[in-house]
Amino acid sequence: MRNVLITGAAARLGSAMAREMHRDHRIVIHYRSSGDAAKRLEQALNAIRPDSAAAVQSNLDTADDCTQLARRAEEVWGGIDVLVNNASAFHPTPVGSATEADWDQLVGSNLKAPFFLSQALAESLAHNGGCIVNMADIHAERPMPGHTIYSAAKAGLVMLTKSLALELAPGVRVNAIAPGAILWPQGGAGDEQNRAQILRRIPLGRTGCASDIASTLRFLACDAPYINGQVIAVDGGRNLTT
């Protein structure tokens, strides 16, 4: 049984991935401000199998935050074998109104924290041939209008995935998942007309499910020992359309 750290694991895709991996792994549930949800998930997983889940808080704002989270996660069961960099800030930053605070939050959560957390856990991950799975985005390849900083940060995460896959091999595999329309953003994705427009651009004609991402994580973490440095789009074919 291996130990998995999932950042931003208290809700939405993070929670789905935690529940999926918990079937045969121990889970460290990282959260920033969703303490109640994290504790509920921790209790639910431990009710299924005692001493199999632990919730740990960190803001992940600084390199020191990342190092401290890494050490605390390692201490729970003696090491981390799978790191899932899922925590992500997401909001629009139209050119002309974006601030330095927007830059720091979006680049910090989507690029800076994954790098420093990966660096802090590299030795532990290599100990038993572990892996890193980063949560990228199809908009790393096709920029989202009004989301320049977010798209740039995710593009950086894709290159980080490839660079770490090269640098940490052969001890650690590094891959990424690029979701398309899986869950509408909190607060919605605009009006119904906007949602319909998005769906028309997906060849499969529908959104995906959280389980689509969770099962892809399981594949990359458990069933793909010769896959390294790749980004798998889970988007119903959205990346094929203009």
Protein backbone atom coordinates (compact mmCIF):
# COMPACT_ATOMS: atom_id res chain seq x y z
CA MET A 1 0.00 0.00 0.00
CA ARG A 2 1.46 3.33 -1.11
CA ASN A 3 1.06 6.82 0.29
CA VAL A 4 -0.52 9.54 -1.86
CA LEU A 5 -0.51 13.31 -1.29
CA ILE A 6 -3.21 15.18 -3.21
CA THR A 7 -3.22 18.95 -2.97
CA GLY A 8 -6.59 20.66 -2.97
CA ALA A 9 -8.19 17.32 -2.13
CA ALA A 10 -11.12 18.47 0.01
CA ALA A 11 -13.68 18.99 -2.76
CA ARG A 12 -14.55 18.70 -6.43
CA LEU A 13 -11.97 16.83 -8.54
CA GLY A 14 -9.55 16.56 -5.64
CA SER A 15 -12.09 14.72 -3.53
CA ALA A 16 -12.98 12.37 -6.39
CA MET A 17 -9.32 11.53 -6.92
CA ALA A 18 -8.80 10.97 -3.20
CA ARG A 19 -11.73 8.56 -3.02
CA GLU A 20 -10.55 6.67 -6.11
CA MET A 21 -6.94 6.30 -4.94
CA HIS A 22 -8.07 5.42 -1.41
CA ARG A 23 -9.37 2.09 -2.68
CA ASP A 24 -5.85 0.70 -2.28
CA HIS A 25 -3.68 3.58 -1.05
CA ARG A 26 -3.33 5.80 2.01
CA ILE A 27 -4.25 9.42 1.32
CA VAL A 28 -2.90 12.71 2.66
CA ILE A 29 -5.66 15.25 2.03
CA HIS A 30 -4.17 18.70 1.61
CA TYR A 31 -6.44 21.70 2.02
CA ARG A 32 -5.99 25.47 2.15
CA SER A 33 -9.21 26.88 3.60
CA SER A 34 -11.73 24.03 3.19
CA GLY A 35 -11.05 22.59 6.63
CA ASP A 36 -14.56 21.30 7.31
CA ALA A 37 -14.78 19.49 3.97
CA ALA A 38 -11.29 18.04 4.43
CA LYS A 39 -12.14 16.72 7.89
CA ARG A 40 -15.36 15.17 6.62
CA LEU A 41 -13.48 13.41 3.84
CA GLU A 42 -10.80 12.26 6.27
CA GLN A 43 -13.45 10.78 8.57
CA ALA A 44 -15.29 9.10 5.71
CA LEU A 45 -12.14 7.44 4.37
CA ASN A 46 -10.98 6.34 7.81
CA ALA A 47 -14.43 4.84 8.44
CA ILE A 48 -13.83 2.63 5.41
CA ARG A 49 -10.29 1.68 6.49
CA PRO A 50 -8.80 2.94 9.78
CA ASP A 51 -5.59 4.99 9.65
CA SER A 52 -5.78 5.42 5.88
CA ALA A 53 -6.40 9.16 5.52
CA ALA A 54 -5.02 12.31 7.10
CA ALA A 55 -5.91 15.96 6.45
CA VAL A 56 -3.10 18.54 6.45
CA GLN A 57 -3.45 22.30 6.00
CA SER A 58 -1.07 24.54 4.07
CA ASN A 59 -1.46 27.81 2.18
CA LEU A 60 1.27 26.78 -0.29
CA ASP A 61 2.12 30.43 -0.86
CA THR A 62 5.88 30.13 -0.41
CA ALA A 63 8.64 27.62 -1.04
CA ASP A 64 8.88 27.19 2.73
CA ASP A 65 5.15 26.37 2.89
CA CYS A 66 5.72 23.64 0.31
CA THR A 67 8.68 22.19 2.18
CA GLN A 68 6.78 22.15 5.45
CA LEU A 69 3.80 20.40 3.83
CA ALA A 70 6.15 17.84 2.29
CA ARG A 71 7.76 17.07 5.65
CA ARG A 72 4.40 16.82 7.45
CA ALA A 73 3.02 14.53 4.74
CA GLU A 74 6.09 12.30 4.91
CA GLU A 75 5.78 12.00 8.66
CA VAL A 76 2.23 10.61 8.54
CA TRP A 77 3.20 7.15 7.27
CA GLY A 78 6.92 7.46 6.63
CA GLY A 79 7.07 8.81 3.07
CA ILE A 80 5.13 9.84 -0.03
CA ASP A 81 5.01 7.66 -3.13
CA VAL A 82 2.56 9.59 -5.32
CA LEU A 83 2.20 13.38 -5.49
CA VAL A 84 -0.83 14.87 -7.22
CA ASN A 85 -0.48 18.62 -7.79
CA ASN A 86 -4.16 19.49 -8.04
CA ALA A 87 -4.61 22.70 -6.02
CA SER A 88 -5.33 25.58 -8.39
CA ALA A 89 -6.62 29.12 -8.31
CA PHE A 90 -8.81 30.08 -11.27
CA HIS A 91 -10.34 33.44 -12.14
CA PRO A 92 -10.37 35.83 -15.12
CA THR A 93 -7.69 38.48 -15.55
CA PRO A 94 -8.60 40.64 -18.56
CA VAL A 95 -5.64 42.61 -19.83
CA GLY A 96 -5.97 46.13 -18.48
CA SER A 97 -7.42 45.08 -15.14
CA ALA A 98 -5.05 42.32 -13.98
CA THR A 99 -3.03 43.03 -10.86
CA GLU A 100 0.22 41.78 -9.43
CA ALA A 101 -1.83 39.99 -6.77
CA ASP A 102 -3.66 38.11 -9.56
CA TRP A 103 -0.31 37.11 -11.03
CA ASP A 104 1.05 35.93 -7.68
CA GLN A 105 -2.05 33.89 -6.89
CA LEU A 106 -2.49 32.23 -10.28
CA VAL A 107 1.17 31.57 -11.04
CA GLY A 108 1.80 30.69 -7.41
CA SER A 109 -0.85 27.99 -7.15
CA ASN A 110 -0.58 26.59 -10.67
CA LEU A 111 3.19 26.63 -11.19
CA LYS A 112 5.27 27.76 -8.23
CA ALA A 113 3.74 25.41 -5.64
CA PRO A 114 3.89 22.31 -7.88
CA PHE A 115 7.59 22.93 -8.52
CA PHE A 116 8.62 23.47 -4.92
CA LEU A 117 6.45 20.64 -3.62
CA SER A 118 7.90 18.29 -6.25
CA GLN A 119 11.39 19.40 -5.33
CA ALA A 120 10.76 18.87 -1.62
CA LEU A 121 9.37 15.36 -2.18
CA ALA A 122 11.75 14.21 -4.93
CA GLU A 123 13.88 12.06 -2.62
CA SER A 124 10.90 10.39 -0.98
CA LEU A 125 9.20 9.76 -4.32
CA ALA A 126 12.35 8.18 -5.77
CA HIS A 127 12.74 5.81 -2.82
CA ASN A 128 10.11 3.38 -4.11
CA GLY A 129 9.85 4.40 -7.75
CA GLY A 130 7.06 6.91 -7.20
CA CYS A 131 5.41 9.38 -9.52
CA ILE A 132 4.03 12.89 -9.86
CA VAL A 133 0.79 13.71 -11.65
CA ASN A 134 0.13 17.38 -12.37
CA MET A 135 -3.30 18.77 -13.14
CA ALA A 136 -2.80 20.82 -16.27
CA ASP A 137 -5.58 22.20 -18.52
CA ILE A 138 -6.45 22.10 -22.21
CA HIS A 139 -6.07 25.90 -22.08
CA ALA A 140 -2.33 25.45 -21.68
CA GLU A 141 -2.44 24.82 -25.44
CA ARG A 142 -5.42 26.97 -26.42
CA PRO A 143 -5.64 30.17 -24.36
CA MET A 144 -8.94 30.96 -22.69
CA PRO A 145 -10.14 34.50 -23.51
CA GLY A 146 -9.83 36.80 -20.52
CA HIS A 147 -7.66 34.29 -18.61
CA THR A 148 -4.17 35.17 -19.85
CA ILE A 149 -2.35 34.63 -16.55
CA TYR A 150 -4.11 31.35 -15.77
CA SER A 151 -3.46 29.99 -19.28
CA ALA A 152 0.20 31.02 -19.10
CA ALA A 153 0.60 29.39 -15.68
CA LYS A 154 -0.89 26.11 -16.94
CA ALA A 155 1.39 26.25 -19.99
CA GLY A 156 4.28 26.58 -17.58
CA LEU A 157 3.00 23.55 -15.67
CA VAL A 158 3.05 21.50 -18.86
CA MET A 159 6.69 22.38 -19.44
CA LEU A 160 7.42 21.73 -15.76
CA THR A 161 5.93 18.26 -16.22
CA LYS A 162 8.22 17.52 -19.14
CA SER A 163 11.30 19.02 -17.49
CA LEU A 164 10.79 17.12 -14.24
CA ALA A 165 10.11 13.91 -16.17
CA LEU A 166 13.56 14.28 -17.69
CA GLU A 167 15.39 15.46 -14.59
CA LEU A 168 13.88 13.07 -12.04
CA ALA A 169 14.09 9.94 -14.21
CA PRO A 170 14.59 7.07 -13.76
CA GLY A 171 13.52 7.19 -10.13
CA VAL A 172 10.33 9.24 -10.55
CA ARG A 173 7.84 9.35 -13.41
CA VAL A 174 6.09 12.68 -14.06
CA ASN A 175 2.94 13.10 -16.16
CA ALA A 176 -0.04 15.44 -16.36
CA ILE A 177 -3.76 15.34 -16.95
CA ALA A 178 -5.39 18.14 -18.97
CA PRO A 179 -9.12 18.24 -18.20
CA GLY A 180 -11.62 19.86 -20.51
CA ALA A 181 -15.18 20.60 -19.45
CA ILE A 182 -15.52 18.27 -16.47
CA LEU A 183 -17.12 20.39 -13.76
CA TRP A 184 -18.40 23.89 -14.40
CA PRO A 185 -16.33 26.44 -12.42
CA GLN A 186 -17.67 27.38 -9.01
CA GLY A 187 -20.04 30.25 -9.64
CA GLY A 188 -20.94 28.76 -13.02
CA ALA A 189 -19.58 29.15 -16.53
CA GLY A 190 -21.72 32.07 -17.52
CA ASP A 191 -25.29 31.73 -18.71
CA GLU A 192 -26.95 28.76 -20.37
CA GLN A 193 -26.12 30.12 -23.81
CA ASN A 194 -22.42 30.16 -22.95
CA ARG A 195 -22.57 26.60 -21.63
CA ALA A 196 -24.35 25.45 -24.77
CA GLN A 197 -21.66 27.09 -26.89
CA ILE A 198 -18.97 25.20 -24.97
CA LEU A 199 -20.80 21.90 -25.41
CA ARG A 200 -21.10 22.47 -29.19
CA ARG A 201 -17.31 22.57 -29.37
CA ILE A 202 -16.91 19.16 -27.71
CA PRO A 203 -17.09 16.31 -30.26
CA LEU A 204 -18.66 13.97 -27.70
CA GLY A 205 -21.34 16.60 -27.06
CA ARG A 206 -21.27 16.48 -23.26
CA THR A 207 -19.21 17.34 -20.23
CA GLY A 208 -17.11 14.71 -18.52
CA CYS A 209 -17.39 13.44 -14.97
CA ALA A 210 -15.06 13.68 -12.01
CA SER A 211 -14.62 9.91 -12.30
CA ASP A 212 -13.06 10.42 -15.75
CA ILE A 213 -10.23 12.37 -14.12
CA ALA A 214 -9.95 10.03 -11.15
CA SER A 215 -9.64 6.95 -13.34
CA THR A 216 -6.99 8.66 -15.49
CA LEU A 217 -5.03 9.44 -12.34
CA ARG A 218 -5.23 5.79 -11.31
CA PHE A 219 -3.99 4.73 -14.74
CA LEU A 220 -1.00 7.08 -14.67
CA ALA A 221 -0.10 6.33 -11.05
CA CYS A 222 -0.66 2.58 -11.02
CA ASP A 223 -0.86 1.07 -14.50
CA ALA A 224 1.54 3.02 -16.72
CA PRO A 225 5.11 2.22 -15.65
CA TYR A 226 6.56 3.18 -19.04
CA ILE A 227 4.69 6.46 -19.53
CA ASN A 228 6.74 9.52 -18.60
CA GLY A 229 6.60 13.19 -19.53
CA GLN A 230 3.17 13.01 -21.16
CA VAL A 231 0.04 15.15 -20.94
CA ILE A 232 -3.23 13.26 -21.35
CA ALA A 233 -6.21 15.37 -22.43
CA VAL A 234 -9.47 14.22 -20.86
CA ASP A 235 -11.78 16.52 -22.77
CA GLY A 236 -14.16 14.62 -25.03
CA GLY A 237 -12.09 15.72 -28.03
CA ARG A 238 -12.38 19.44 -27.29
CA ASN A 239 -8.72 19.98 -28.22
CA LEU A 240 -9.49 18.88 -31.77
CA THR A 241 -11.84 21.77 -32.53
CA THR A 242 -11.19 25.44 -33.15
